[in-house]
């Protein structure tokens, strides 16, 4: 039996699947981060880390403000 999952899984993350508790692997789908476990459960960044994009934006805005002062 040949397992093709490892070739297409993406990068392993420290996140676990909310449904099966398996490791989530990060892949890129049309410029968006997608997280998928071995069982096939698939999530967006907002699904696994609600508000992460907003937090990152705030961090970058603060860093930019500090650097420009």
N, C-alpha and C. Protein backbone atom coordinates (compact mmCIF):
# COMPACT_ATOMS: atom_id res chain seq x y z
N UNK A 1 0.84 -1.17 0.00
CA UNK A 1 0.00 0.00 0.00
C UNK A 1 0.89 1.24 0.00
N UNK A 2 0.59 2.17 -0.89
CA UNK A 2 1.36 3.40 -1.00
C UNK A 2 0.51 4.54 -0.46
N UNK A 3 1.12 5.36 0.39
CA UNK A 3 0.40 6.50 0.98
C UNK A 3 0.85 7.79 0.29
N UNK A 4 -0.07 8.43 -0.39
CA UNK A 4 0.24 9.67 -1.08
C UNK A 4 -0.02 10.90 -0.23
N UNK A 5 -0.56 10.70 0.98
CA UNK A 5 -0.90 11.83 1.83
C UNK A 5 0.32 12.68 2.14
N UNK A 6 1.44 12.04 2.46
CA UNK A 6 2.64 12.78 2.85
C UNK A 6 3.12 13.70 1.74
N UNK A 7 2.89 13.33 0.49
CA UNK A 7 3.35 14.15 -0.63
C UNK A 7 2.48 15.38 -0.84
N UNK A 8 1.22 15.33 -0.43
CA UNK A 8 0.29 16.42 -0.68
C UNK A 8 -0.20 17.11 0.58
N UNK A 9 0.26 16.65 1.74
CA UNK A 9 -0.29 17.14 3.00
C UNK A 9 0.04 18.59 3.29
N UNK A 10 1.19 19.05 2.91
CA UNK A 10 1.62 20.39 3.28
C UNK A 10 2.51 20.36 4.51
N UNK A 11 2.63 21.50 5.15
CA UNK A 11 3.50 21.63 6.32
C UNK A 11 2.73 21.26 7.59
N UNK A 12 3.30 20.39 8.43
CA UNK A 12 2.63 20.09 9.69
C UNK A 12 2.63 21.32 10.59
N UNK A 13 1.57 21.50 11.37
CA UNK A 13 1.47 22.64 12.29
C UNK A 13 1.38 22.13 13.72
N UNK A 14 1.32 23.04 14.65
CA UNK A 14 1.13 22.67 16.06
C UNK A 14 -0.36 22.62 16.40
N UNK A 15 -1.21 22.82 15.41
CA UNK A 15 -2.65 22.83 15.61
C UNK A 15 -3.23 21.43 15.47
N UNK A 16 -4.32 21.17 16.19
CA UNK A 16 -4.98 19.87 16.06
C UNK A 16 -6.39 20.06 15.52
N UNK A 17 -6.86 19.04 14.86
CA UNK A 17 -8.20 19.04 14.27
C UNK A 17 -9.25 19.05 15.38
N UNK A 18 -10.20 19.98 15.33
CA UNK A 18 -11.24 20.02 16.36
C UNK A 18 -12.14 18.78 16.37
N UNK A 19 -12.25 18.08 15.24
CA UNK A 19 -13.14 16.92 15.16
C UNK A 19 -12.47 15.62 15.59
N UNK A 20 -11.23 15.39 15.12
CA UNK A 20 -10.60 14.09 15.40
C UNK A 20 -9.30 14.21 16.22
N UNK A 21 -8.90 15.44 16.51
CA UNK A 21 -7.68 15.73 17.28
C UNK A 21 -6.39 15.34 16.57
N UNK A 22 -6.46 15.09 15.26
CA UNK A 22 -5.26 14.78 14.49
C UNK A 22 -4.48 16.05 14.16
N UNK A 23 -3.26 15.89 13.71
CA UNK A 23 -2.43 17.03 13.33
C UNK A 23 -3.01 17.71 12.11
N UNK A 24 -3.02 19.04 12.11
CA UNK A 24 -3.44 19.80 10.93
C UNK A 24 -2.20 20.16 10.12
N UNK A 25 -2.32 20.00 8.82
CA UNK A 25 -1.26 20.35 7.88
C UNK A 25 -1.71 21.58 7.11
N UNK A 26 -0.79 22.53 6.93
CA UNK A 26 -1.13 23.78 6.23
C UNK A 26 -0.76 23.68 4.76
N UNK A 27 -1.69 24.04 3.91
CA UNK A 27 -1.44 24.13 2.48
C UNK A 27 -1.97 25.47 1.99
N UNK A 28 -1.63 25.81 0.78
CA UNK A 28 -2.06 27.07 0.19
C UNK A 28 -3.05 26.75 -0.93
N UNK A 29 -4.22 27.35 -0.87
CA UNK A 29 -5.23 27.14 -1.89
C UNK A 29 -5.66 28.50 -2.41
N UNK A 30 -5.22 28.83 -3.61
CA UNK A 30 -5.54 30.11 -4.24
C UNK A 30 -5.16 31.29 -3.35
N UNK A 31 -3.99 31.21 -2.73
CA UNK A 31 -3.51 32.30 -1.90
C UNK A 31 -4.04 32.33 -0.48
N UNK A 32 -4.86 31.39 -0.11
CA UNK A 32 -5.42 31.33 1.24
C UNK A 32 -4.86 30.11 1.98
N UNK A 33 -4.59 30.29 3.27
CA UNK A 33 -4.11 29.16 4.08
C UNK A 33 -5.28 28.21 4.35
N UNK A 34 -5.03 26.93 4.11
CA UNK A 34 -6.03 25.89 4.36
C UNK A 34 -5.37 24.84 5.24
N UNK A 35 -6.11 24.37 6.23
CA UNK A 35 -5.60 23.38 7.17
C UNK A 35 -6.41 22.11 7.02
N UNK A 36 -5.70 20.97 6.91
CA UNK A 36 -6.37 19.69 6.67
C UNK A 36 -5.68 18.61 7.51
N UNK A 37 -6.50 17.71 8.06
CA UNK A 37 -5.94 16.57 8.80
C UNK A 37 -5.93 15.34 7.90
N UNK A 38 -5.37 14.26 8.40
CA UNK A 38 -5.31 13.02 7.62
C UNK A 38 -6.68 12.44 7.32
N UNK A 39 -7.66 12.75 8.16
CA UNK A 39 -9.02 12.24 7.94
C UNK A 39 -9.75 13.01 6.85
N UNK A 40 -9.20 14.16 6.47
CA UNK A 40 -9.82 14.95 5.41
C UNK A 40 -10.62 16.14 5.90
N UNK A 41 -10.69 16.35 7.21
CA UNK A 41 -11.37 17.53 7.73
C UNK A 41 -10.57 18.76 7.29
N UNK A 42 -11.26 19.75 6.77
CA UNK A 42 -10.59 20.92 6.20
C UNK A 42 -11.13 22.19 6.85
N UNK A 43 -10.20 23.12 7.14
CA UNK A 43 -10.56 24.35 7.83
C UNK A 43 -9.81 25.53 7.23
N UNK A 44 -10.40 26.70 7.35
CA UNK A 44 -9.72 27.94 6.98
C UNK A 44 -8.99 28.46 8.21
N UNK A 45 -8.21 29.53 8.04
CA UNK A 45 -7.50 30.13 9.16
C UNK A 45 -8.50 30.63 10.21
N UNK A 46 -9.59 31.24 9.77
CA UNK A 46 -10.61 31.72 10.72
C UNK A 46 -11.26 30.58 11.50
N UNK A 47 -11.35 29.40 10.90
CA UNK A 47 -11.94 28.25 11.60
C UNK A 47 -11.05 27.78 12.75
N UNK A 48 -9.75 27.73 12.53
CA UNK A 48 -8.85 27.18 13.56
C UNK A 48 -8.30 28.25 14.50
N UNK A 49 -8.23 29.48 14.05
CA UNK A 49 -7.74 30.59 14.87
C UNK A 49 -8.61 31.81 14.66
N UNK A 50 -9.81 31.84 15.23
CA UNK A 50 -10.69 32.99 15.01
C UNK A 50 -10.01 34.29 15.41
N UNK A 51 -10.07 35.27 14.52
CA UNK A 51 -9.48 36.58 14.80
C UNK A 51 -7.99 36.66 14.55
N UNK A 52 -7.36 35.59 14.07
CA UNK A 52 -5.91 35.60 13.87
C UNK A 52 -5.50 36.66 12.86
N UNK A 53 -6.26 36.80 11.78
CA UNK A 53 -5.90 37.79 10.77
C UNK A 53 -6.02 39.20 11.33
N UNK A 54 -7.04 39.45 12.17
CA UNK A 54 -7.20 40.76 12.79
C UNK A 54 -6.04 41.05 13.74
N UNK A 55 -5.64 40.05 14.52
CA UNK A 55 -4.53 40.22 15.46
C UNK A 55 -3.24 40.50 14.72
N UNK A 56 -2.99 39.77 13.66
CA UNK A 56 -1.78 39.97 12.88
C UNK A 56 -1.77 41.37 12.27
N UNK A 57 -2.90 41.80 11.78
CA UNK A 57 -2.98 43.15 11.21
C UNK A 57 -2.67 44.21 12.26
N UNK A 58 -3.18 44.03 13.47
CA UNK A 58 -2.91 44.96 14.55
C UNK A 58 -1.45 44.98 14.94
N UNK A 59 -0.83 43.82 14.98
CA UNK A 59 0.59 43.72 15.31
C UNK A 59 1.42 44.44 14.25
N UNK A 60 1.11 44.23 12.99
CA UNK A 60 1.86 44.88 11.91
C UNK A 60 1.66 46.39 11.92
N UNK A 61 0.44 46.84 12.21
CA UNK A 61 0.18 48.28 12.30
C UNK A 61 0.99 48.91 13.43
N UNK A 62 1.07 48.24 14.57
CA UNK A 62 1.84 48.75 15.70
C UNK A 62 3.33 48.80 15.37
N UNK A 63 3.83 47.74 14.74
CA UNK A 63 5.24 47.71 14.36
C UNK A 63 5.56 48.83 13.37
N UNK A 64 4.70 49.07 12.41
CA UNK A 64 4.91 50.12 11.45
C UNK A 64 4.91 51.49 12.12
N UNK A 65 3.98 51.69 13.06
CA UNK A 65 3.91 52.97 13.77
C UNK A 65 5.19 53.21 14.58
N UNK A 66 5.71 52.18 15.22
CA UNK A 66 6.94 52.31 16.02
C UNK A 66 8.12 52.63 15.12
N UNK A 67 8.19 51.99 13.97
CA UNK A 67 9.32 52.19 13.07
C UNK A 67 9.30 53.57 12.40
N UNK A 68 8.12 54.13 12.21
CA UNK A 68 8.04 55.43 11.52
C UNK A 68 8.19 56.60 12.47
N UNK A 69 8.21 56.36 13.78
CA UNK A 69 8.37 57.47 14.75
C UNK A 69 9.80 57.74 15.05
